[in-house]
N, C-alpha and C. Protein backbone atom coordinates (compact mmCIF):
# COMPACT_ATOMS: atom_id res chain seq x y z
N MET A 1 2.00 -6.91 -9.98
CA MET A 1 1.17 -7.28 -8.88
C MET A 1 1.95 -8.15 -7.90
N ASN A 2 2.63 -9.13 -8.47
CA ASN A 2 3.45 -9.97 -7.61
C ASN A 2 4.61 -9.18 -7.03
N LYS A 3 5.09 -8.19 -7.79
CA LYS A 3 6.18 -7.35 -7.28
C LYS A 3 5.75 -6.62 -6.01
N LEU A 4 4.51 -6.14 -6.00
CA LEU A 4 3.99 -5.45 -4.82
C LEU A 4 3.97 -6.37 -3.62
N ILE A 5 3.49 -7.57 -3.82
CA ILE A 5 3.41 -8.53 -2.72
C ILE A 5 4.81 -8.89 -2.22
N ILE A 6 5.72 -9.12 -3.16
CA ILE A 6 7.10 -9.45 -2.79
C ILE A 6 7.74 -8.28 -2.06
N THR A 7 7.51 -7.06 -2.57
CA THR A 7 8.07 -5.87 -1.93
C THR A 7 7.57 -5.73 -0.50
N VAL A 8 6.27 -5.92 -0.32
CA VAL A 8 5.69 -5.81 1.02
C VAL A 8 6.31 -6.85 1.95
N LEU A 9 6.42 -8.07 1.46
CA LEU A 9 6.98 -9.13 2.30
C LEU A 9 8.44 -8.89 2.63
N VAL A 10 9.23 -8.47 1.64
CA VAL A 10 10.66 -8.21 1.88
C VAL A 10 10.83 -7.07 2.87
N LEU A 11 10.10 -5.99 2.65
CA LEU A 11 10.20 -4.86 3.56
C LEU A 11 9.72 -5.23 4.96
N PHE A 12 8.69 -6.05 5.02
CA PHE A 12 8.17 -6.48 6.30
C PHE A 12 9.21 -7.30 7.06
N VAL A 13 9.87 -8.22 6.36
CA VAL A 13 10.86 -9.09 7.00
C VAL A 13 12.10 -8.31 7.42
N LEU A 14 12.51 -7.37 6.58
CA LEU A 14 13.74 -6.63 6.85
C LEU A 14 13.53 -5.40 7.72
N SER A 15 12.32 -5.18 8.13
CA SER A 15 12.02 -3.95 8.85
C SER A 15 12.43 -4.01 10.32
N ALA A 16 12.60 -2.80 10.85
CA ALA A 16 12.90 -2.66 12.27
C ALA A 16 11.82 -1.77 12.88
N CYS A 17 11.52 -1.97 14.13
CA CYS A 17 10.50 -1.17 14.80
C CYS A 17 11.02 0.24 15.03
N GLY A 18 10.13 1.19 14.93
CA GLY A 18 10.48 2.58 15.21
C GLY A 18 9.27 3.28 15.77
N THR A 19 9.48 4.43 16.38
CA THR A 19 8.35 5.17 16.91
C THR A 19 8.40 6.60 16.41
N ASN A 20 7.29 7.07 15.95
CA ASN A 20 7.12 8.44 15.52
C ASN A 20 5.78 8.92 16.05
N THR A 21 5.74 10.14 16.47
CA THR A 21 4.48 10.70 16.91
C THR A 21 3.67 11.05 15.67
N GLU A 22 2.39 11.30 15.88
CA GLU A 22 1.51 11.67 14.77
C GLU A 22 2.01 12.93 14.08
N GLN A 23 2.53 13.88 14.84
CA GLN A 23 3.05 15.13 14.27
C GLN A 23 4.27 14.86 13.40
N GLU A 24 5.16 13.97 13.84
CA GLU A 24 6.34 13.63 13.04
C GLU A 24 5.92 12.95 11.74
N LYS A 25 4.91 12.08 11.82
CA LYS A 25 4.43 11.40 10.61
C LYS A 25 3.92 12.43 9.61
N LEU A 26 3.13 13.37 10.08
CA LEU A 26 2.58 14.38 9.19
C LEU A 26 3.67 15.24 8.57
N SER A 27 4.68 15.60 9.37
CA SER A 27 5.76 16.43 8.84
C SER A 27 6.60 15.66 7.81
N GLU A 28 6.60 14.33 7.90
CA GLU A 28 7.33 13.50 6.93
C GLU A 28 6.47 13.14 5.73
N GLY A 29 5.23 13.58 5.71
CA GLY A 29 4.33 13.26 4.60
C GLY A 29 3.75 11.87 4.68
N VAL A 30 3.65 11.31 5.89
CA VAL A 30 3.11 9.97 6.08
C VAL A 30 1.63 10.08 6.40
N MET A 31 0.85 9.23 5.76
CA MET A 31 -0.59 9.21 5.97
C MET A 31 -0.91 8.70 7.37
N SER A 32 -2.05 9.08 7.88
CA SER A 32 -2.50 8.53 9.16
C SER A 32 -2.75 7.04 8.98
N GLU A 33 -2.78 6.32 10.07
CA GLU A 33 -3.02 4.88 10.02
C GLU A 33 -4.38 4.58 9.39
N ASP A 34 -5.39 5.36 9.73
CA ASP A 34 -6.73 5.13 9.16
C ASP A 34 -6.74 5.37 7.65
N ALA A 35 -6.09 6.45 7.21
CA ALA A 35 -6.05 6.75 5.78
C ALA A 35 -5.28 5.68 5.03
N PHE A 36 -4.17 5.22 5.62
CA PHE A 36 -3.38 4.18 4.97
C PHE A 36 -4.15 2.87 4.93
N ALA A 37 -4.91 2.58 5.98
CA ALA A 37 -5.73 1.36 6.01
C ALA A 37 -6.78 1.40 4.90
N ASP A 38 -7.41 2.56 4.70
CA ASP A 38 -8.40 2.70 3.62
C ASP A 38 -7.74 2.49 2.26
N LEU A 39 -6.56 3.07 2.07
CA LEU A 39 -5.83 2.92 0.82
C LEU A 39 -5.47 1.45 0.58
N MET A 40 -4.94 0.80 1.61
CA MET A 40 -4.52 -0.60 1.46
C MET A 40 -5.71 -1.53 1.24
N LEU A 41 -6.86 -1.20 1.79
CA LEU A 41 -8.07 -1.98 1.52
C LEU A 41 -8.37 -1.96 0.02
N ASP A 42 -8.34 -0.76 -0.57
CA ASP A 42 -8.60 -0.65 -2.00
C ASP A 42 -7.53 -1.37 -2.81
N VAL A 43 -6.27 -1.27 -2.40
CA VAL A 43 -5.19 -1.95 -3.11
C VAL A 43 -5.40 -3.46 -3.06
N GLN A 44 -5.73 -3.99 -1.90
CA GLN A 44 -5.93 -5.43 -1.77
C GLN A 44 -7.14 -5.91 -2.57
N LEU A 45 -8.20 -5.12 -2.60
CA LEU A 45 -9.38 -5.49 -3.39
C LEU A 45 -9.04 -5.54 -4.88
N ILE A 46 -8.28 -4.57 -5.35
CA ILE A 46 -7.86 -4.55 -6.76
C ILE A 46 -6.95 -5.74 -7.05
N GLU A 47 -6.00 -6.01 -6.18
CA GLU A 47 -5.08 -7.14 -6.38
C GLU A 47 -5.87 -8.45 -6.44
N GLY A 48 -6.84 -8.61 -5.57
CA GLY A 48 -7.65 -9.82 -5.58
C GLY A 48 -8.46 -9.93 -6.86
N HIS A 49 -9.04 -8.83 -7.29
CA HIS A 49 -9.81 -8.82 -8.53
C HIS A 49 -8.93 -9.18 -9.72
N LEU A 50 -7.77 -8.57 -9.81
CA LEU A 50 -6.87 -8.84 -10.94
C LEU A 50 -6.37 -10.28 -10.93
N ASN A 51 -6.10 -10.80 -9.75
CA ASN A 51 -5.60 -12.18 -9.67
C ASN A 51 -6.67 -13.22 -10.00
N THR A 52 -7.93 -12.91 -9.74
CA THR A 52 -8.98 -13.87 -10.05
C THR A 52 -9.49 -13.74 -11.48
N ASN A 53 -9.15 -12.67 -12.15
CA ASN A 53 -9.63 -12.44 -13.51
C ASN A 53 -8.50 -12.41 -14.54
N ARG A 54 -7.53 -13.27 -14.37
CA ARG A 54 -6.41 -13.33 -15.30
C ARG A 54 -6.83 -14.07 -16.57
N VAL A 55 -7.13 -13.31 -17.58
CA VAL A 55 -7.48 -13.91 -18.86
C VAL A 55 -6.37 -13.59 -19.86
N ASN A 56 -5.99 -12.35 -19.91
CA ASN A 56 -4.99 -11.88 -20.85
C ASN A 56 -4.03 -10.98 -20.10
N GLN A 57 -2.75 -11.32 -20.12
CA GLN A 57 -1.76 -10.58 -19.32
C GLN A 57 -1.71 -9.10 -19.72
N VAL A 58 -1.84 -8.79 -21.01
CA VAL A 58 -1.83 -7.39 -21.45
C VAL A 58 -3.04 -6.67 -20.88
N PHE A 59 -4.19 -7.32 -20.91
CA PHE A 59 -5.41 -6.73 -20.35
C PHE A 59 -5.25 -6.49 -18.86
N VAL A 60 -4.70 -7.45 -18.14
CA VAL A 60 -4.51 -7.32 -16.69
C VAL A 60 -3.57 -6.17 -16.39
N THR A 61 -2.48 -6.07 -17.14
CA THR A 61 -1.51 -4.99 -16.92
C THR A 61 -2.15 -3.63 -17.16
N ASP A 62 -2.89 -3.49 -18.26
CA ASP A 62 -3.57 -2.23 -18.54
C ASP A 62 -4.63 -1.92 -17.48
N SER A 63 -5.37 -2.92 -17.08
CA SER A 63 -6.39 -2.73 -16.06
C SER A 63 -5.76 -2.31 -14.74
N ALA A 64 -4.65 -2.95 -14.38
CA ALA A 64 -3.97 -2.62 -13.12
C ALA A 64 -3.56 -1.16 -13.11
N LYS A 65 -2.99 -0.69 -14.21
CA LYS A 65 -2.57 0.72 -14.29
C LYS A 65 -3.77 1.64 -14.07
N ASN A 66 -4.87 1.33 -14.72
CA ASN A 66 -6.07 2.17 -14.59
C ASN A 66 -6.65 2.10 -13.18
N TYR A 67 -6.71 0.89 -12.62
CA TYR A 67 -7.23 0.75 -11.26
C TYR A 67 -6.38 1.52 -10.25
N TYR A 68 -5.06 1.37 -10.35
CA TYR A 68 -4.18 2.07 -9.41
C TYR A 68 -4.29 3.58 -9.59
N LYS A 69 -4.41 4.02 -10.82
CA LYS A 69 -4.58 5.45 -11.07
C LYS A 69 -5.82 5.97 -10.35
N GLU A 70 -6.92 5.23 -10.45
CA GLU A 70 -8.16 5.63 -9.78
C GLU A 70 -8.03 5.58 -8.26
N ILE A 71 -7.39 4.55 -7.75
CA ILE A 71 -7.21 4.43 -6.30
C ILE A 71 -6.37 5.59 -5.78
N PHE A 72 -5.27 5.88 -6.46
CA PHE A 72 -4.39 6.96 -6.01
C PHE A 72 -5.12 8.30 -6.08
N LEU A 73 -5.90 8.51 -7.12
CA LEU A 73 -6.68 9.74 -7.25
C LEU A 73 -7.69 9.85 -6.11
N LYS A 74 -8.37 8.75 -5.83
CA LYS A 74 -9.37 8.72 -4.75
C LYS A 74 -8.75 9.08 -3.40
N HIS A 75 -7.54 8.61 -3.14
CA HIS A 75 -6.90 8.82 -1.84
C HIS A 75 -5.92 9.99 -1.82
N GLY A 76 -5.79 10.69 -2.94
CA GLY A 76 -4.95 11.88 -3.00
C GLY A 76 -3.46 11.57 -2.87
N VAL A 77 -3.03 10.44 -3.44
CA VAL A 77 -1.61 10.08 -3.41
C VAL A 77 -1.14 9.80 -4.83
N ASP A 78 0.16 9.76 -4.99
CA ASP A 78 0.74 9.30 -6.24
C ASP A 78 1.61 8.10 -5.91
N LEU A 79 2.24 7.51 -6.92
CA LEU A 79 3.04 6.31 -6.70
C LEU A 79 4.16 6.56 -5.69
N LYS A 80 4.80 7.71 -5.80
CA LYS A 80 5.91 8.03 -4.89
C LYS A 80 5.42 8.09 -3.43
N LYS A 81 4.29 8.75 -3.20
CA LYS A 81 3.76 8.86 -1.83
C LYS A 81 3.28 7.49 -1.34
N TYR A 82 2.68 6.71 -2.22
CA TYR A 82 2.25 5.36 -1.85
C TYR A 82 3.45 4.53 -1.41
N GLU A 83 4.51 4.55 -2.21
CA GLU A 83 5.71 3.77 -1.87
C GLU A 83 6.34 4.27 -0.58
N LYS A 84 6.34 5.58 -0.36
CA LYS A 84 6.90 6.14 0.88
C LYS A 84 6.10 5.65 2.09
N ASN A 85 4.78 5.68 1.98
CA ASN A 85 3.94 5.22 3.08
C ASN A 85 4.06 3.72 3.29
N LEU A 86 4.15 2.97 2.20
CA LEU A 86 4.32 1.53 2.31
C LEU A 86 5.63 1.20 3.02
N LYS A 87 6.67 1.91 2.65
CA LYS A 87 7.98 1.70 3.29
C LYS A 87 7.92 2.08 4.77
N TYR A 88 7.27 3.20 5.08
CA TYR A 88 7.15 3.67 6.46
C TYR A 88 6.44 2.62 7.32
N TYR A 89 5.29 2.15 6.85
CA TYR A 89 4.50 1.23 7.66
C TYR A 89 5.08 -0.19 7.68
N THR A 90 5.73 -0.62 6.63
CA THR A 90 6.34 -1.95 6.68
C THR A 90 7.57 -1.96 7.58
N ALA A 91 8.13 -0.80 7.85
CA ALA A 91 9.24 -0.71 8.80
C ALA A 91 8.74 -0.75 10.24
N ARG A 92 7.43 -0.76 10.40
CA ARG A 92 6.80 -0.80 11.73
C ARG A 92 5.77 -1.94 11.73
N PRO A 93 6.24 -3.17 11.85
CA PRO A 93 5.36 -4.33 11.67
C PRO A 93 4.17 -4.39 12.61
N LYS A 94 4.31 -3.92 13.82
CA LYS A 94 3.16 -3.97 14.75
C LYS A 94 2.06 -3.03 14.31
N ILE A 95 2.44 -1.85 13.83
CA ILE A 95 1.44 -0.90 13.32
C ILE A 95 0.81 -1.46 12.06
N LEU A 96 1.63 -2.00 11.16
CA LEU A 96 1.13 -2.56 9.91
C LEU A 96 0.17 -3.73 10.18
N GLU A 97 0.50 -4.54 11.15
CA GLU A 97 -0.37 -5.66 11.50
C GLU A 97 -1.74 -5.14 11.97
N SER A 98 -1.72 -4.10 12.79
CA SER A 98 -2.99 -3.54 13.26
C SER A 98 -3.79 -2.92 12.11
N ILE A 99 -3.09 -2.37 11.13
CA ILE A 99 -3.76 -1.82 9.94
C ILE A 99 -4.43 -2.94 9.15
N TYR A 100 -3.73 -4.05 8.96
CA TYR A 100 -4.30 -5.17 8.22
C TYR A 100 -5.45 -5.83 8.98
N ILE A 101 -5.37 -5.86 10.29
CA ILE A 101 -6.45 -6.41 11.09
C ILE A 101 -7.70 -5.54 10.94
N GLU A 102 -7.48 -4.23 10.92
CA GLU A 102 -8.60 -3.29 10.76
C GLU A 102 -9.27 -3.52 9.41
């Protein structure tokens, strides 16, 4: 969980602005901003839940795996696609900021 937060922050800090049209994003397998915002909302809700309910680290780890599995299934992504989209949007801080504001 902390790895995700650290990864987001590192990628955010090291990122450079870029521009891609919606068609280029789709051809690269990048989710739309709205779809990514919905996914990140669920990710943040799960992270908050797990962080406030830390009773047993093994339980939290198992729960996190199950929660992420359900989130990815709900949004039609896998870990690889999630990481690709996270990398894409963190490389574009202004777009990512607007996603988080939404």
